[in-house]
Amino acid sequence: MNPTDLPPAPPALTLRHRIYHSSALRERLDGYAARLGVPAAELAAAYDWMLANNVAFEEGDAAEPRVSIVSVNMESRIPHPLASRFYALLRDEVPTQLVPRYGLNWPTFKDRWLRAWEQCYNILINKLPSHHLRLAWLRLGGARIGKGSSVWRNTEVLGVNNLVIGADSCVAWHCLLDARAGLIIGDHVAIASYAKIIAGSHDLSAPEFWSVSAPVYIDDYAWIATGALIGHGARIGRGAVVTANTVVGKEVAPYKIVGGSGAKPMGERPRDLNYKVGGKGLFTLFH
C-alpha cells in the first residue's frame, strides 16, 4: 500500500507521549527490513510515515538522533500496515510494557489492577517487617527478583511489572524505584538509602506537557550511594559508583567513580570485583 493511499492518521496519533528506543535507528533499517521480510526502501518509507504521524520521533543530534516511539500502545490504531508491524517490533524491544489505550478492555483492566497492587505495596506492604512477604508481593505483581536479593522497608516501587533485579543485590531503605519505562538492575548491585531512580520527565517545550521516558540499566557490581538520583536513560556500567547526592542522566562507563555537579569522573575501581552484597541475613526482619 502506498502511503499516499492511506486514510488520515486518527486523532489518537496526535499524542506525543514517548519512550526512548535507541539512537540512529535509520542506519539499521536494512536489518529490520530483513527481519520483517520487506524491501529496505519500503520500510524506510514506512519509517518516514511514522515520523510524520507521531508514531516515532527523532530528536537531538541530527547526525545521530535519539529515536523514541509513542509510549501508549497504539499498534491497533496505526492505519499503515507496515508501520504498525514495525512499531510492534520496536515496542517489543523496549524492556517495559507500554501503557494501554484505556477503555473497556482487558489491557486496561490488567493495568489498573497492577497499579492498585503496587499502590497497596507502597502504602502498606513495604512497611511490614517481613522480607519474604514484601518480595512475594512484588513478584506476584510481575517483578523479577533474583536469589539473595532484597528490597528493604519503606522503598517505593512504580511500574512493578517492569522491575528486574538480579541475584545478590540490595536496595536499602527509603528509595524510589521507578520502573515504568523499564528498570534492569544486575547482580551484586548496592543501592543505598534515599537513592531515587526516575523513569521519565516531561517535554517542557510542549504546551501539552507530554511525557518522555527511557529505560534505566544498572549493571553488575554497581554502587549507587546515598541520595543519588538516576535519571531516565541512564546506564550505570559494571562496577561503576555514583557517589552520594549525585545526579546522573547519562551513561557511566564501567568501573568509573562519578560525583559532584555534572557527575564528573573521580577515579576508578578495580576490575576484579568478586564480593557479595549480602542484603539478606539474620537481621532481615528489621530491614
Protein backbone atom coordinates (compact mmCIF):
# COMPACT_ATOMS: atom_id res chain seq x y z
CA MET A 1 0.00 0.00 0.00
CA ASN A 2 1.32 3.42 -0.95
CA PRO A 3 1.39 5.89 1.97
CA THR A 4 -0.50 8.41 -0.16
CA ASP A 5 -3.39 5.95 -0.40
CA LEU A 6 -3.77 5.67 3.37
CA PRO A 7 -6.58 7.36 5.30
CA PRO A 8 -5.57 10.25 7.56
CA ALA A 9 -3.99 9.24 10.84
CA PRO A 10 -6.63 9.01 13.60
CA PRO A 11 -6.75 11.71 16.29
CA ALA A 12 -5.20 9.30 18.80
CA LEU A 13 -1.92 9.55 16.88
CA THR A 14 -1.61 13.21 17.76
CA LEU A 15 -0.24 12.04 21.11
CA ARG A 16 3.42 12.80 21.69
CA HIS A 17 3.97 10.79 24.87
CA ARG A 18 7.14 8.91 24.01
CA ILE A 19 9.67 6.39 25.25
CA TYR A 20 13.29 6.14 24.10
CA HIS A 21 14.25 3.18 21.92
CA SER A 22 17.76 3.77 20.55
CA SER A 23 19.97 6.17 18.62
CA ALA A 24 20.49 6.41 14.84
CA LEU A 25 17.77 3.87 14.06
CA ARG A 26 17.65 4.82 10.39
CA GLU A 27 21.16 3.39 9.92
CA ARG A 28 19.85 -0.04 10.96
CA LEU A 29 16.71 -0.11 8.81
CA ASP A 30 18.20 -2.71 6.44
CA GLY A 31 18.46 -5.19 9.29
CA TYR A 32 14.92 -4.51 10.43
CA ALA A 33 13.67 -4.85 6.84
CA ALA A 34 15.24 -8.32 6.67
CA ARG A 35 13.55 -9.30 9.91
CA LEU A 36 10.19 -8.07 8.64
CA GLY A 37 10.70 -9.63 5.21
CA VAL A 38 10.17 -6.42 3.25
CA PRO A 39 12.36 -4.30 0.92
CA ALA A 40 14.52 -1.76 2.73
CA ALA A 41 13.10 1.12 0.68
CA GLU A 42 9.57 0.13 1.69
CA LEU A 43 10.49 0.10 5.37
CA ALA A 44 12.26 3.47 5.01
CA ALA A 45 9.04 4.92 3.59
CA ALA A 46 7.04 3.42 6.46
CA TYR A 47 9.52 4.89 8.96
CA ASP A 48 9.13 8.32 7.38
CA TRP A 49 5.36 7.92 7.75
CA MET A 50 5.84 7.05 11.42
CA LEU A 51 7.91 10.19 11.97
CA ALA A 52 5.30 12.32 10.22
CA ASN A 53 2.40 10.86 12.23
CA ASN A 54 3.72 10.83 15.82
CA VAL A 55 4.40 7.10 15.93
CA ALA A 56 8.18 7.58 16.04
CA PHE A 57 10.25 10.63 16.97
CA GLU A 58 13.78 11.74 16.15
CA GLU A 59 15.33 14.29 18.50
CA GLY A 60 18.72 15.74 19.35
CA ASP A 61 21.83 15.46 17.20
CA ALA A 62 20.87 15.32 13.52
CA ALA A 63 23.84 13.07 12.77
CA GLU A 64 22.83 10.52 15.42
CA PRO A 65 19.29 11.34 16.55
CA ARG A 66 17.70 9.77 19.58
CA VAL A 67 14.70 7.74 18.44
CA SER A 68 11.60 7.29 20.57
CA ILE A 69 8.24 5.67 19.90
CA VAL A 70 4.83 6.66 21.21
CA SER A 71 4.57 5.23 24.72
CA VAL A 72 0.84 4.49 24.58
CA ASN A 73 0.37 1.15 22.82
CA MET A 74 -1.12 2.32 19.52
CA GLU A 75 -0.46 -0.72 17.32
CA SER A 76 -4.13 -1.33 16.53
CA ARG A 77 -4.69 2.35 15.68
CA ILE A 78 -1.92 2.70 13.09
CA PRO A 79 -3.53 2.62 9.60
CA HIS A 80 -0.25 1.97 7.78
CA PRO A 81 0.15 -1.87 7.82
CA LEU A 82 3.95 -1.95 7.65
CA ALA A 83 4.31 0.94 10.10
CA SER A 84 2.07 -0.96 12.51
CA ARG A 85 4.27 -4.07 12.22
CA PHE A 86 7.47 -2.06 12.63
CA TYR A 87 6.05 -0.21 15.64
CA ALA A 88 5.16 -3.55 17.27
CA LEU A 89 8.70 -4.82 16.68
CA LEU A 90 10.27 -1.68 18.19
CA ARG A 91 7.81 -1.75 21.09
CA ASP A 92 8.78 -5.31 21.95
CA GLU A 93 12.47 -4.30 22.07
CA VAL A 94 11.81 -1.77 24.84
CA PRO A 95 12.10 -3.51 28.26
CA THR A 96 8.71 -2.40 29.52
CA GLN A 97 5.01 -2.94 28.96
CA LEU A 98 3.64 0.19 27.31
CA VAL A 99 0.61 1.97 28.71
CA PRO A 100 -2.52 0.55 27.02
CA ARG A 101 -5.17 2.55 25.24
CA TYR A 102 -7.63 2.92 28.08
CA GLY A 103 -11.19 1.71 27.62
CA LEU A 104 -13.43 -1.23 28.41
CA ASN A 105 -10.88 -3.88 27.56
CA TRP A 106 -8.62 -6.47 29.19
CA PRO A 107 -5.35 -4.47 28.87
CA THR A 108 -6.96 -1.56 30.75
CA PHE A 109 -8.28 -3.83 33.49
CA LYS A 110 -4.89 -5.52 33.87
CA ASP A 111 -3.06 -2.19 34.00
CA ARG A 112 -5.44 -0.73 36.60
CA TRP A 113 -5.17 -3.88 38.70
CA LEU A 114 -1.36 -3.70 38.63
CA ARG A 115 -1.37 -0.03 39.60
CA ALA A 116 -3.67 -0.80 42.55
CA TRP A 117 -1.42 -3.74 43.51
CA GLU A 118 1.71 -1.55 43.60
CA GLN A 119 -0.04 1.25 45.48
CA CYS A 120 -1.08 -1.25 48.11
CA TYR A 121 2.60 -2.21 48.33
CA ASN A 122 3.73 1.42 48.61
CA ILE A 123 1.13 2.37 51.21
CA LEU A 124 1.15 -0.74 53.39
CA ILE A 125 3.20 -3.78 52.39
CA ASN A 126 6.58 -2.07 52.11
CA LYS A 127 6.35 -1.05 55.78
CA LEU A 128 5.87 -4.57 57.10
CA PRO A 129 8.89 -6.21 58.80
CA SER A 130 8.65 -9.35 56.68
CA HIS A 131 11.19 -9.56 53.90
CA HIS A 132 9.57 -12.66 52.39
CA LEU A 133 6.12 -11.05 52.24
CA ARG A 134 7.44 -7.91 50.58
CA LEU A 135 9.34 -9.81 47.90
CA ALA A 136 6.41 -12.18 47.33
CA TRP A 137 4.11 -9.19 46.81
CA LEU A 138 6.47 -7.64 44.25
CA ARG A 139 6.93 -10.93 42.42
CA LEU A 140 3.20 -11.56 42.26
CA GLY A 141 2.90 -8.10 40.67
CA GLY A 142 5.31 -9.17 37.92
CA ALA A 143 8.70 -8.08 39.28
CA ARG A 144 11.60 -10.46 38.58
CA ILE A 145 13.91 -10.56 41.59
CA GLY A 146 16.87 -12.92 41.76
CA LYS A 147 18.06 -15.20 44.53
CA GLY A 148 19.55 -13.50 47.57
CA SER A 149 18.38 -10.00 46.62
CA SER A 150 16.45 -7.73 48.94
CA VAL A 151 14.32 -4.60 48.90
CA TRP A 152 14.29 -3.03 52.34
CA ARG A 153 11.37 -1.38 54.07
CA ASN A 154 9.88 1.97 53.00
CA THR A 155 11.23 1.75 49.46
CA GLU A 156 8.53 2.59 46.90
CA VAL A 157 8.14 0.85 43.55
CA LEU A 158 6.39 2.21 40.46
CA GLY A 159 5.83 0.04 37.41
CA VAL A 160 6.22 -3.15 39.43
CA ASN A 161 5.72 -5.38 36.39
CA ASN A 162 8.73 -3.80 34.66
CA LEU A 163 11.20 -4.22 37.54
CA VAL A 164 14.10 -6.65 37.10
CA ILE A 165 16.67 -7.23 39.86
CA GLY A 166 19.43 -9.83 39.53
CA ALA A 167 20.95 -12.04 42.22
CA ASP A 168 22.57 -10.82 45.47
CA SER A 169 21.57 -7.18 45.03
CA CYS A 170 20.32 -4.87 47.75
CA VAL A 171 18.04 -1.83 47.64
CA ALA A 172 18.12 -0.10 51.03
CA TRP A 173 15.60 1.99 52.99
CA HIS A 174 13.53 4.87 51.63
CA CYS A 175 14.49 4.54 47.97
CA LEU A 176 12.30 5.12 44.92
CA LEU A 177 12.42 2.55 42.11
CA ASP A 178 10.54 3.95 39.13
CA ALA A 179 10.38 1.11 36.63
CA ARG A 180 7.58 2.43 34.43
CA ALA A 181 9.93 2.66 31.42
CA GLY A 182 11.89 -0.45 32.41
CA LEU A 183 14.42 -0.76 35.25
CA ILE A 184 17.02 -3.50 34.92
CA ILE A 185 19.33 -3.96 37.92
CA GLY A 186 22.10 -6.56 37.65
CA ASP A 187 23.80 -8.90 40.13
CA HIS A 188 25.68 -7.75 43.27
CA VAL A 189 24.35 -4.19 42.98
CA ALA A 190 24.17 -1.99 46.10
CA ILE A 191 21.66 0.89 46.13
CA ALA A 192 21.98 2.90 49.33
CA SER A 193 19.21 4.62 51.29
CA TYR A 194 17.29 7.57 49.85
CA ALA A 195 18.51 6.94 46.31
CA LYS A 196 15.98 7.67 43.59
CA ILE A 197 15.67 6.17 40.14
CA ILE A 198 13.32 8.14 37.90
CA ALA A 199 11.87 6.67 34.70
CA GLY A 200 10.98 9.88 32.91
CA SER A 201 10.20 13.53 32.74
CA HIS A 202 8.08 15.84 30.57
CA ASP A 203 8.57 17.83 27.40
CA LEU A 204 8.96 21.32 28.84
CA SER A 205 8.72 22.91 25.39
CA ALA A 206 5.26 21.46 24.72
CA PRO A 207 2.06 23.14 25.97
CA GLU A 208 0.57 19.65 26.43
CA PHE A 209 3.33 18.59 28.90
CA TRP A 210 3.91 15.29 27.05
CA SER A 211 5.73 12.58 28.98
CA VAL A 212 9.22 11.50 27.89
CA SER A 213 10.77 8.36 29.35
CA ALA A 214 13.56 5.85 28.85
CA PRO A 215 14.72 2.58 30.43
CA VAL A 216 17.38 2.62 33.15
CA TYR A 217 20.12 -0.02 33.37
CA ILE A 218 22.32 -0.60 36.42
CA ASP A 219 24.91 -3.26 35.65
CA ASP A 220 26.58 -5.84 37.91
CA TYR A 221 28.58 -4.64 40.94
CA ALA A 222 27.47 -1.01 40.54
CA TRP A 223 27.08 1.05 43.72
CA ILE A 224 24.53 3.86 43.92
CA ALA A 225 25.36 5.84 47.06
CA THR A 226 23.03 7.62 49.49
CA GLY A 227 20.77 10.26 48.00
CA ALA A 228 21.88 9.78 44.39
CA LEU A 229 19.34 10.42 41.62
CA ILE A 230 19.49 8.28 38.48
CA GLY A 231 17.51 9.85 35.65
CA HIS A 232 15.74 8.25 32.71
CA GLY A 233 18.02 6.90 30.01
CA ALA A 234 20.99 6.41 32.32
CA ARG A 235 23.16 3.32 32.17
CA ILE A 236 25.45 2.69 35.11
CA GLY A 237 28.23 0.38 33.89
CA ARG A 238 29.57 -2.70 35.60
CA GLY A 239 31.32 -1.84 38.85
CA ALA A 240 30.68 1.90 38.50
CA VAL A 241 29.99 4.12 41.52
CA VAL A 242 27.63 7.10 41.70
CA THR A 243 28.63 8.99 44.83
CA ALA A 244 26.25 10.50 47.39
CA ASN A 245 23.76 13.16 46.20
CA THR A 246 24.95 12.96 42.60
CA VAL A 247 22.53 13.36 39.69
CA VAL A 248 23.16 11.13 36.66
CA GLY A 249 21.18 11.08 33.43
CA LYS A 250 23.75 9.59 31.07
CA GLU A 251 25.94 6.55 30.57
CA VAL A 252 28.61 5.94 33.20
CA ALA A 253 31.45 3.77 31.91
CA PRO A 254 32.26 0.51 33.70
CA TYR A 255 34.29 0.88 36.93
CA LYS A 256 34.21 4.69 36.83
CA ILE A 257 33.52 6.66 40.01
CA VAL A 258 31.47 9.80 39.32
CA GLY A 259 30.22 12.55 41.59
CA GLY A 260 29.58 16.22 42.11
CA SER A 261 27.97 18.66 39.69
CA GLY A 262 27.67 17.05 36.28
CA ALA A 263 28.64 13.62 37.61
CA LYS A 264 32.33 14.24 36.89
CA PRO A 265 34.82 11.34 36.86
CA MET A 266 36.57 10.99 40.22
CA GLY A 267 38.50 7.76 39.81
CA GLU A 268 38.15 4.07 39.00
CA ARG A 269 37.53 0.81 40.83
CA PRO A 270 39.49 -2.41 40.34
CA ARG A 271 38.36 -4.70 37.53
CA ASP A 272 38.39 -7.93 39.54
CA LEU A 273 35.36 -7.28 41.76
CA ASN A 274 34.09 -10.51 43.30
CA TYR A 275 32.26 -9.62 46.54
CA LYS A 276 28.77 -10.47 47.72
CA VAL A 277 26.46 -7.64 48.74
CA GLY A 278 24.67 -9.85 51.27
CA GLY A 279 21.44 -7.89 51.54
CA LYS A 280 19.71 -10.80 53.30
CA GLY A 281 20.68 -12.32 56.57
CA LEU A 282 19.97 -12.63 60.28
CA PHE A 283 18.59 -9.09 60.59
CA THR A 284 16.37 -9.12 57.51
CA LEU A 285 13.38 -8.79 59.85
CA PHE A 286 14.47 -5.27 60.73
CA HIS A 287 15.12 -4.30 57.11
